[in-house]
Amino acid sequence: MTHLAQSNSVDGVVQLLSDYGSEGMVAAIETLMNEAMKLELAEALMTRTAELVWSM
């Protein structure tokens, strides 16, 4: 599911750049940054959850 969501995000970025050219660059970078932050947060939460489970 994560891979599909990432693929949709990348497709969206490509579509923005295709439709708007350099004018879509800000929105494209914003989308990529948001997706990167979501991935980092998910990784941090999974790590923290694992730490809590193993400490019990």
C-alpha atoms as a PDB file:
ATOM      1  CA  MET A   1       0.000   0.000   0.000  1.00  0.00           C
ATOM      2  CA  THR A   2       2.826   2.418   0.823  1.00  0.00           C
ATOM      3  CA  HIS A   3       4.455   1.712  -2.510  1.00  0.00           C
ATOM      4  CA  LEU A   4       1.179   2.510  -4.291  1.00  0.00           C
ATOM      5  CA  ALA A   5       0.802   5.765  -2.351  1.00  0.00           C
ATOM      6  CA  GLN A   6       4.374   6.732  -3.225  1.00  0.00           C
ATOM      7  CA  SER A   7       3.740   5.906  -6.857  1.00  0.00           C
ATOM      8  CA  ASN A   8       0.616   8.070  -6.886  1.00  0.00           C
ATOM      9  CA  SER A   9       2.578  10.954  -5.350  1.00  0.00           C
ATOM     10  CA  VAL A  10       5.333  10.670  -7.931  1.00  0.00           C
ATOM     11  CA  ASP A  11       2.724  10.452 -10.699  1.00  0.00           C
ATOM     12  CA  GLY A  12       1.126  13.603  -9.304  1.00  0.00           C
ATOM     13  CA  VAL A  13       4.448  15.432  -9.341  1.00  0.00           C
ATOM     14  CA  VAL A  14       5.141  14.348 -12.905  1.00  0.00           C
ATOM     15  CA  GLN A  15       1.651  15.472 -13.890  1.00  0.00           C
ATOM     16  CA  LEU A  16       2.149  18.883 -12.258  1.00  0.00           C
ATOM     17  CA  LEU A  17       5.403  19.395 -14.117  1.00  0.00           C
ATOM     18  CA  SER A  18       3.895  18.144 -17.347  1.00  0.00           C
ATOM     19  CA  ASP A  19       0.853  20.415 -17.090  1.00  0.00           C
ATOM     20  CA  TYR A  20       2.478  23.557 -15.719  1.00  0.00           C
ATOM     21  CA  GLY A  21       6.171  23.268 -16.538  1.00  0.00           C
ATOM     22  CA  SER A  22       8.409  25.346 -14.315  1.00  0.00           C
ATOM     23  CA  GLU A  23       5.359  27.120 -12.877  1.00  0.00           C
ATOM     24  CA  GLY A  24       4.388  23.825 -11.235  1.00  0.00           C
ATOM     25  CA  MET A  25       7.812  23.393  -9.652  1.00  0.00           C
ATOM     26  CA  VAL A  26       6.833  24.871  -6.266  1.00  0.00           C
ATOM     27  CA  ALA A  27       3.824  22.563  -5.949  1.00  0.00           C
ATOM     28  CA  ALA A  28       5.905  19.596  -7.117  1.00  0.00           C
ATOM     29  CA  ILE A  29       8.648  20.223  -4.564  1.00  0.00           C
ATOM     30  CA  GLU A  30       6.051  20.796  -1.851  1.00  0.00           C
ATOM     31  CA  THR A  31       4.443  17.441  -2.678  1.00  0.00           C
ATOM     32  CA  LEU A  32       7.784  15.630  -2.610  1.00  0.00           C
ATOM     33  CA  MET A  33       8.769  17.242   0.701  1.00  0.00           C
ATOM     34  CA  ASN A  34       5.428  16.328   2.277  1.00  0.00           C
ATOM     35  CA  GLU A  35       5.796  12.713   1.171  1.00  0.00           C
ATOM     36  CA  ALA A  36       9.363  12.582   2.511  1.00  0.00           C
ATOM     37  CA  MET A  37       8.198  13.920   5.880  1.00  0.00           C
ATOM     38  CA  LYS A  38       5.374  11.349   6.005  1.00  0.00           C
ATOM     39  CA  LEU A  39       7.886   8.559   5.388  1.00  0.00           C
ATOM     40  CA  GLU A  40      10.232   9.866   8.090  1.00  0.00           C
ATOM     41  CA  LEU A  41       7.379  10.159  10.582  1.00  0.00           C
ATOM     42  CA  ALA A  42       6.129   6.652   9.829  1.00  0.00           C
ATOM     43  CA  GLU A  43       9.633   5.259  10.294  1.00  0.00           C
ATOM     44  CA  ALA A  44      10.094   7.116  13.583  1.00  0.00           C
ATOM     45  CA  LEU A  45       6.735   5.914  14.888  1.00  0.00           C
ATOM     46  CA  MET A  46       7.469   2.315  13.930  1.00  0.00           C
ATOM     47  CA  THR A  47      10.878   2.506  15.613  1.00  0.00           C
ATOM     48  CA  ARG A  48       9.368   4.001  18.765  1.00  0.00           C
ATOM     49  CA  THR A  49       6.592   1.394  18.827  1.00  0.00           C
ATOM     50  CA  ALA A  50       9.133  -1.404  18.471  1.00  0.00           C
ATOM     51  CA  GLU A  51      11.194   0.063  21.322  1.00  0.00           C
ATOM     52  CA  LEU A  52       8.131   0.181  23.561  1.00  0.00           C
ATOM     53  CA  VAL A  53       7.134  -3.376  22.743  1.00  0.00           C
ATOM     54  CA  TRP A  54      10.618  -4.757  23.351  1.00  0.00           C
ATOM     55  CA  SER A  55      11.002  -2.878  26.651  1.00  0.00           C
ATOM     56  CA  MET A  56       7.933  -4.568  28.182  1.00  0.00           C
END
